[in-house]
C-alpha atoms as a PDB file:
ATOM      1  CA  MET A   1      -9.816  29.969   2.043  1.00  0.00           C
ATOM      2  CA  TYR A   2      -7.372  27.270   3.099  1.00  0.00           C
ATOM      3  CA  ARG A   3      -3.857  27.416   1.697  1.00  0.00           C
ATOM      4  CA  TYR A   4      -3.587  23.584   1.823  1.00  0.00           C
ATOM      5  CA  LYS A   5      -5.835  20.736   0.696  1.00  0.00           C
ATOM      6  CA  CYS A   6      -4.861  18.184   3.341  1.00  0.00           C
ATOM      7  CA  ILE A   7      -3.435  18.131   6.868  1.00  0.00           C
ATOM      8  CA  ILE A   8      -1.179  15.331   8.106  1.00  0.00           C
ATOM      9  CA  PHE A   9      -1.131  15.121  11.889  1.00  0.00           C
ATOM     10  CA  ASP A  10       1.454  13.342  13.961  1.00  0.00           C
ATOM     11  CA  CYS A  11      -0.225  11.474  16.840  1.00  0.00           C
ATOM     12  CA  ASP A  12       1.859  11.529  20.032  1.00  0.00           C
ATOM     13  CA  GLY A  13       2.092  15.030  21.453  1.00  0.00           C
ATOM     14  CA  VAL A  14      -0.071  16.487  18.668  1.00  0.00           C
ATOM     15  CA  LEU A  15      -3.402  14.676  18.958  1.00  0.00           C
ATOM     16  CA  VAL A  16      -2.924  12.840  22.253  1.00  0.00           C
ATOM     17  CA  ASP A  17      -0.928  13.839  25.326  1.00  0.00           C
ATOM     18  CA  SER A  18       1.057  10.610  25.448  1.00  0.00           C
ATOM     19  CA  GLU A  19       4.635  11.892  25.569  1.00  0.00           C
ATOM     20  CA  PRO A  20       4.914  12.261  29.395  1.00  0.00           C
ATOM     21  CA  LEU A  21       3.464   8.784  29.873  1.00  0.00           C
ATOM     22  CA  SER A  22       5.466   6.903  27.245  1.00  0.00           C
ATOM     23  CA  ASN A  23       8.722   8.652  28.038  1.00  0.00           C
ATOM     24  CA  GLN A  24       8.359   7.944  31.745  1.00  0.00           C
ATOM     25  CA  VAL A  25       7.850   4.243  30.978  1.00  0.00           C
ATOM     26  CA  MET A  26      10.985   4.298  28.829  1.00  0.00           C
ATOM     27  CA  VAL A  27      12.911   5.989  31.644  1.00  0.00           C
ATOM     28  CA  ASP A  28      11.718   3.416  34.178  1.00  0.00           C
ATOM     29  CA  ILE A  29      12.687   0.487  31.981  1.00  0.00           C
ATOM     30  CA  ALA A  30      16.052   2.016  31.112  1.00  0.00           C
ATOM     31  CA  ASN A  31      16.827   2.635  34.775  1.00  0.00           C
ATOM     32  CA  GLU A  32      15.923  -0.938  35.680  1.00  0.00           C
ATOM     33  CA  LEU A  33      18.694  -1.901  33.272  1.00  0.00           C
ATOM     34  CA  GLY A  34      21.127   0.529  34.947  1.00  0.00           C
ATOM     35  CA  ALA A  35      20.859   3.614  32.744  1.00  0.00           C
ATOM     36  CA  SER A  36      20.275   6.199  35.504  1.00  0.00           C
ATOM     37  CA  ILE A  37      18.391   8.795  33.444  1.00  0.00           C
ATOM     38  CA  ASN A  38      15.399  11.069  34.102  1.00  0.00           C
ATOM     39  CA  LEU A  39      12.375  12.353  32.205  1.00  0.00           C
ATOM     40  CA  GLU A  40      14.201  15.459  30.987  1.00  0.00           C
ATOM     41  CA  TYR A  41      16.816  13.194  29.394  1.00  0.00           C
ATOM     42  CA  ALA A  42      14.063  11.240  27.657  1.00  0.00           C
ATOM     43  CA  TYR A  43      12.473  14.392  26.242  1.00  0.00           C
ATOM     44  CA  ARG A  44      15.832  15.480  24.876  1.00  0.00           C
ATOM     45  CA  HIS A  45      16.926  12.160  23.417  1.00  0.00           C
ATOM     46  CA  PHE A  46      13.902   9.890  22.893  1.00  0.00           C
ATOM     47  CA  LYS A  47      11.028  12.175  21.882  1.00  0.00           C
ATOM     48  CA  GLY A  48       9.947  11.623  18.296  1.00  0.00           C
ATOM     49  CA  ASN A  49      12.400   8.780  17.696  1.00  0.00           C
ATOM     50  CA  SER A  50      11.580   5.198  16.767  1.00  0.00           C
ATOM     51  CA  PHE A  51      11.587   2.533  19.459  1.00  0.00           C
ATOM     52  CA  ASN A  52      14.666   0.908  17.908  1.00  0.00           C
ATOM     53  CA  ASP A  53      16.582   4.173  18.069  1.00  0.00           C
ATOM     54  CA  CYS A  54      15.644   4.600  21.743  1.00  0.00           C
ATOM     55  CA  ALA A  55      16.670   1.012  22.451  1.00  0.00           C
ATOM     56  CA  SER A  56      20.034   1.625  20.780  1.00  0.00           C
ATOM     57  CA  GLN A  57      20.578   4.689  22.970  1.00  0.00           C
ATOM     58  CA  ILE A  58      19.738   2.678  26.092  1.00  0.00           C
ATOM     59  CA  ALA A  59      22.165  -0.049  25.038  1.00  0.00           C
ATOM     60  CA  GLU A  60      24.889   2.568  24.704  1.00  0.00           C
ATOM     61  CA  LEU A  61      24.070   3.965  28.147  1.00  0.00           C
ATOM     62  CA  ILE A  62      24.252   0.588  29.881  1.00  0.00           C
ATOM     63  CA  GLY A  63      27.156  -0.748  27.838  1.00  0.00           C
ATOM     64  CA  ARG A  64      25.433  -3.921  26.629  1.00  0.00           C
ATOM     65  CA  GLU A  65      22.619  -5.149  24.428  1.00  0.00           C
ATOM     66  CA  VAL A  66      19.100  -4.600  25.717  1.00  0.00           C
ATOM     67  CA  PRO A  67      16.919  -7.666  26.429  1.00  0.00           C
ATOM     68  CA  ALA A  68      15.143  -9.197  23.447  1.00  0.00           C
ATOM     69  CA  ASN A  69      11.741  -8.629  25.063  1.00  0.00           C
ATOM     70  CA  LEU A  70      12.324  -4.925  25.720  1.00  0.00           C
ATOM     71  CA  GLU A  71       9.770  -3.677  23.211  1.00  0.00           C
ATOM     72  CA  GLN A  72       7.132  -6.121  24.435  1.00  0.00           C
ATOM     73  CA  LYS A  73       7.678  -4.920  28.003  1.00  0.00           C
ATOM     74  CA  TYR A  74       7.591  -1.285  26.905  1.00  0.00           C
ATOM     75  CA  ARG A  75       4.379  -1.724  24.932  1.00  0.00           C
ATOM     76  CA  GLU A  76       2.604  -3.557  27.756  1.00  0.00           C
ATOM     77  CA  ARG A  77       3.523  -0.953  30.368  1.00  0.00           C
ATOM     78  CA  SER A  78       2.881   2.066  28.169  1.00  0.00           C
ATOM     79  CA  TYR A  79      -0.500   0.762  26.967  1.00  0.00           C
ATOM     80  CA  GLN A  80      -1.521   0.312  30.588  1.00  0.00           C
ATOM     81  CA  LYS A  81      -0.457   3.881  31.371  1.00  0.00           C
ATOM     82  CA  PHE A  82      -2.421   5.149  28.391  1.00  0.00           C
ATOM     83  CA  LYS A  83      -5.545   3.324  29.570  1.00  0.00           C
ATOM     84  CA  GLU A  84      -5.186   4.920  33.002  1.00  0.00           C
ATOM     85  CA  LYS A  85      -4.209   8.493  32.172  1.00  0.00           C
ATOM     86  CA  ILE A  86      -4.099   9.540  28.520  1.00  0.00           C
ATOM     87  CA  GLN A  87      -5.957  12.689  27.450  1.00  0.00           C
ATOM     88  CA  PRO A  88      -6.424  14.454  24.103  1.00  0.00           C
ATOM     89  CA  ILE A  89      -4.269  17.498  23.477  1.00  0.00           C
ATOM     90  CA  GLU A  90      -6.138  20.566  24.712  1.00  0.00           C
ATOM     91  CA  GLY A  91      -8.249  22.117  21.973  1.00  0.00           C
ATOM     92  CA  VAL A  92      -7.767  19.328  19.432  1.00  0.00           C
ATOM     93  CA  LYS A  93     -11.405  18.174  19.422  1.00  0.00           C
ATOM     94  CA  GLU A  94     -12.595  21.716  18.787  1.00  0.00           C
ATOM     95  CA  LEU A  95     -10.058  22.024  15.971  1.00  0.00           C
ATOM     96  CA  LEU A  96     -11.100  18.779  14.274  1.00  0.00           C
ATOM     97  CA  ASP A  97     -14.786  19.642  14.614  1.00  0.00           C
ATOM     98  CA  ASN A  98     -14.210  22.859  12.688  1.00  0.00           C
ATOM     99  CA  LEU A  99     -11.851  21.777   9.900  1.00  0.00           C
ATOM    100  CA  GLU A 100     -13.432  21.767   6.442  1.00  0.00           C
ATOM    101  CA  LEU A 101     -10.677  19.890   4.624  1.00  0.00           C
ATOM    102  CA  PRO A 102      -9.341  16.308   4.673  1.00  0.00           C
ATOM    103  CA  PHE A 103      -6.872  15.231   7.342  1.00  0.00           C
ATOM    104  CA  CYS A 104      -5.130  12.078   8.504  1.00  0.00           C
ATOM    105  CA  VAL A 105      -2.676  10.848  11.142  1.00  0.00           C
ATOM    106  CA  ALA A 106       0.826   9.581  10.340  1.00  0.00           C
ATOM    107  CA  SER A 107       2.788   8.255  13.319  1.00  0.00           C
ATOM    108  CA  SER A 108       5.939   6.331  14.173  1.00  0.00           C
ATOM    109  CA  GLY A 109       4.029   4.055  16.556  1.00  0.00           C
ATOM    110  CA  PRO A 110       2.384   0.717  15.712  1.00  0.00           C
ATOM    111  CA  GLU A 111      -1.131   1.031  14.310  1.00  0.00           C
ATOM    112  CA  GLN A 112      -2.476  -0.784  17.388  1.00  0.00           C
ATOM    113  CA  LYS A 113      -1.036   1.968  19.591  1.00  0.00           C
ATOM    114  CA  ILE A 114      -2.367   4.763  17.377  1.00  0.00           C
ATOM    115  CA  ARG A 115      -5.872   3.283  17.367  1.00  0.00           C
ATOM    116  CA  LEU A 116      -5.804   2.585  21.108  1.00  0.00           C
ATOM    117  CA  ASN A 117      -4.870   6.161  21.958  1.00  0.00           C
ATOM    118  CA  LEU A 118      -7.368   7.676  19.536  1.00  0.00           C
ATOM    119  CA  GLU A 119     -10.086   5.448  20.985  1.00  0.00           C
ATOM    120  CA  LEU A 120      -9.169   6.268  24.588  1.00  0.00           C
ATOM    121  CA  THR A 121      -9.285   9.996  23.877  1.00  0.00           C
ATOM    122  CA  GLY A 122     -12.472   9.945  21.810  1.00  0.00           C
ATOM    123  CA  LEU A 123     -10.708  10.876  18.570  1.00  0.00           C
ATOM    124  CA  ILE A 124     -10.965   7.651  16.575  1.00  0.00           C
ATOM    125  CA  ASP A 125     -14.108   8.663  14.661  1.00  0.00           C
ATOM    126  CA  TYR A 126     -12.268  11.624  13.173  1.00  0.00           C
ATOM    127  CA  PHE A 127      -9.718   9.351  11.477  1.00  0.00           C
ATOM    128  CA  GLN A 128     -11.004   5.789  10.993  1.00  0.00           C
ATOM    129  CA  SER A 129      -9.232   4.535   7.822  1.00  0.00           C
ATOM    130  CA  ASN A 130      -6.958   7.574   7.517  1.00  0.00           C
ATOM    131  CA  ILE A 131      -4.311   6.163   9.875  1.00  0.00           C
ATOM    132  CA  PHE A 132      -0.747   5.616   8.683  1.00  0.00           C
ATOM    133  CA  SER A 133       1.926   3.851  10.752  1.00  0.00           C
ATOM    134  CA  CYS A 134       5.663   3.700  10.153  1.00  0.00           C
ATOM    135  CA  TYR A 135       5.522   0.052  11.233  1.00  0.00           C
ATOM    136  CA  THR A 136       3.479  -0.790   8.135  1.00  0.00           C
ATOM    137  CA  ILE A 137       6.176   0.402   5.757  1.00  0.00           C
ATOM    138  CA  GLN A 138       9.134  -0.211   8.122  1.00  0.00           C
ATOM    139  CA  LYS A 139      10.528   3.282   7.596  1.00  0.00           C
ATOM    140  CA  TRP A 140      10.820   5.811  10.394  1.00  0.00           C
ATOM    141  CA  LYS A 141      11.211   9.547  10.720  1.00  0.00           C
ATOM    142  CA  PRO A 142      13.339  11.507   9.790  1.00  0.00           C
ATOM    143  CA  ASP A 143      12.747   9.455   6.630  1.00  0.00           C
ATOM    144  CA  PRO A 144       9.783  11.231   4.969  1.00  0.00           C
ATOM    145  CA  ALA A 145       8.295   7.965   3.653  1.00  0.00           C
ATOM    146  CA  ILE A 146       5.372   7.947   6.101  1.00  0.00           C
ATOM    147  CA  PHE A 147       4.212  11.386   4.972  1.00  0.00           C
ATOM    148  CA  GLN A 148       4.715  10.532   1.309  1.00  0.00           C
ATOM    149  CA  TRP A 149       2.668   7.343   1.733  1.00  0.00           C
ATOM    150  CA  ALA A 150      -0.156   9.236   3.420  1.00  0.00           C
ATOM    151  CA  THR A 151      -0.150  11.933   0.739  1.00  0.00           C
ATOM    152  CA  GLN A 152      -0.207   9.486  -2.159  1.00  0.00           C
ATOM    153  CA  SER A 153      -2.871   7.315  -0.504  1.00  0.00           C
ATOM    154  CA  LEU A 154      -5.199  10.284  -0.106  1.00  0.00           C
ATOM    155  CA  GLY A 155      -4.536  11.528  -3.637  1.00  0.00           C
ATOM    156  CA  PHE A 156      -2.731  14.790  -2.921  1.00  0.00           C
ATOM    157  CA  LYS A 157       0.553  16.371  -3.989  1.00  0.00           C
ATOM    158  CA  THR A 158       3.263  17.224  -1.479  1.00  0.00           C
ATOM    159  CA  SER A 159       2.735  20.934  -2.106  1.00  0.00           C
ATOM    160  CA  GLU A 160      -0.957  20.578  -1.209  1.00  0.00           C
ATOM    161  CA  CYS A 161      -0.295  19.155   2.258  1.00  0.00           C
ATOM    162  CA  VAL A 162       0.956  20.490   5.562  1.00  0.00           C
ATOM    163  CA  VAL A 163       2.379  18.342   8.354  1.00  0.00           C
ATOM    164  CA  ILE A 164       1.706  19.083  12.034  1.00  0.00           C
ATOM    165  CA  GLU A 165       4.554  17.886  14.275  1.00  0.00           C
ATOM    166  CA  ASP A 166       5.845  18.403  17.803  1.00  0.00           C
ATOM    167  CA  SER A 167       9.316  16.801  17.588  1.00  0.00           C
ATOM    168  CA  ILE A 168      12.465  17.821  15.764  1.00  0.00           C
ATOM    169  CA  THR A 169      12.659  14.344  14.201  1.00  0.00           C
ATOM    170  CA  GLY A 170       9.172  14.717  12.773  1.00  0.00           C
ATOM    171  CA  VAL A 171       9.819  18.240  11.537  1.00  0.00           C
ATOM    172  CA  GLU A 172      12.981  17.057   9.793  1.00  0.00           C
ATOM    173  CA  ALA A 173      11.055  14.184   8.184  1.00  0.00           C
ATOM    174  CA  ALA A 174       8.562  16.629   6.729  1.00  0.00           C
ATOM    175  CA  ILE A 175      11.314  18.943   5.493  1.00  0.00           C
ATOM    176  CA  ASN A 176      13.146  15.983   3.950  1.00  0.00           C
ATOM    177  CA  GLY A 177       9.994  15.197   1.968  1.00  0.00           C
ATOM    178  CA  GLY A 178       9.510  18.759   0.759  1.00  0.00           C
ATOM    179  CA  PHE A 179       6.461  19.439   2.953  1.00  0.00           C
ATOM    180  CA  ASP A 180       5.500  22.585   4.771  1.00  0.00           C
ATOM    181  CA  VAL A 181       5.460  21.717   8.470  1.00  0.00           C
ATOM    182  CA  PHE A 182       3.928  23.543  11.431  1.00  0.00           C
ATOM    183  CA  GLY A 183       5.588  22.888  14.767  1.00  0.00           C
ATOM    184  CA  TYR A 184       3.360  22.547  17.841  1.00  0.00           C
ATOM    185  CA  THR A 185       5.487  24.051  20.608  1.00  0.00           C
ATOM    186  CA  ALA A 186       3.401  23.625  23.776  1.00  0.00           C
ATOM    187  CA  ASN A 187       5.846  20.923  24.874  1.00  0.00           C
ATOM    188  CA  ASP A 188       8.910  21.914  22.860  1.00  0.00           C
ATOM    189  CA  TYR A 189      11.225  21.246  25.804  1.00  0.00           C
ATOM    190  CA  ASN A 190      14.372  21.813  23.758  1.00  0.00           C
ATOM    191  CA  ASN A 191      13.103  24.959  21.998  1.00  0.00           C
ATOM    192  CA  GLU A 192      14.113  23.422  18.664  1.00  0.00           C
ATOM    193  CA  LEU A 193      11.147  23.810  16.374  1.00  0.00           C
ATOM    194  CA  LYS A 194      11.033  27.558  15.671  1.00  0.00           C
ATOM    195  CA  ASN A 195      14.297  27.465  13.721  1.00  0.00           C
ATOM    196  CA  LYS A 196      13.197  24.518  11.565  1.00  0.00           C
ATOM    197  CA  ALA A 197       9.427  24.553  11.045  1.00  0.00           C
ATOM    198  CA  THR A 198       7.582  26.611   8.443  1.00  0.00           C
ATOM    199  CA  LYS A 199       5.521  28.077  11.280  1.00  0.00           C
ATOM    200  CA  THR A 200       5.153  27.368  14.984  1.00  0.00           C
ATOM    201  CA  PHE A 201       2.146  27.619  17.309  1.00  0.00           C
ATOM    202  CA  ASP A 202       1.427  26.737  20.932  1.00  0.00           C
ATOM    203  CA  SER A 203      -2.335  26.154  20.958  1.00  0.00           C
ATOM    204  CA  MET A 204      -4.552  23.964  18.805  1.00  0.00           C
ATOM    205  CA  LEU A 205      -7.196  26.658  19.062  1.00  0.00           C
ATOM    206  CA  ILE A 206      -5.170  28.955  16.780  1.00  0.00           C
ATOM    207  CA  LEU A 207      -4.050  26.383  14.210  1.00  0.00           C
ATOM    208  CA  LYS A 208      -7.054  26.881  11.952  1.00  0.00           C
ATOM    209  CA  GLU A 209      -6.253  30.561  11.401  1.00  0.00           C
ATOM    210  CA  LEU A 210      -2.709  29.616  10.368  1.00  0.00           C
ATOM    211  CA  LEU A 211      -4.107  27.349   7.646  1.00  0.00           C
ATOM    212  CA  VAL A 212      -6.002  30.063   5.783  1.00  0.00           C
ATOM    213  CA  TYR A 213      -4.764  32.761   3.440  1.00  0.00           C
END
């Protein structure tokens, strides 16, 4: 028997393996502006954060405002990378095929990006209308608003839901909303999640057993 009635999945790094691709694009763009950073820096400072927060960090690194078209450039380049290389997280299709309770996706990215990546990885049919984007409500993690919106929209209480996250920002958002949160640690480069999340796990193939009594 499941201990929860609904699962709220983050998208990037939880459903789709987009973090290496998107962070590398951010690194490339930042370095073109004179930032001189690498992918490890991006994982430590950008992962799980909103685009505006990343842009603010880049501005601080280069000592001036970033160009007005920075997000447009980032989206164009990252979408192209996704189309060329993105893959689903290992084991996630098997997990979704075998879940017998409702689930949704709640992500910091624009809905267009979420849908694109779910389509490219063959996951879109699992979610369809159950897609929630921070851009729609203009509130970003660690604000818990995205998870609260998803929960209320699907008709569940906070205590009936569990959030699946891979970033410290996302874990903190769930905690701030009073949710249980399971941290997916396969790419926890900073080893941050185990001290914050309700539980941690490193394979989607074992998540189901963590959801039952």
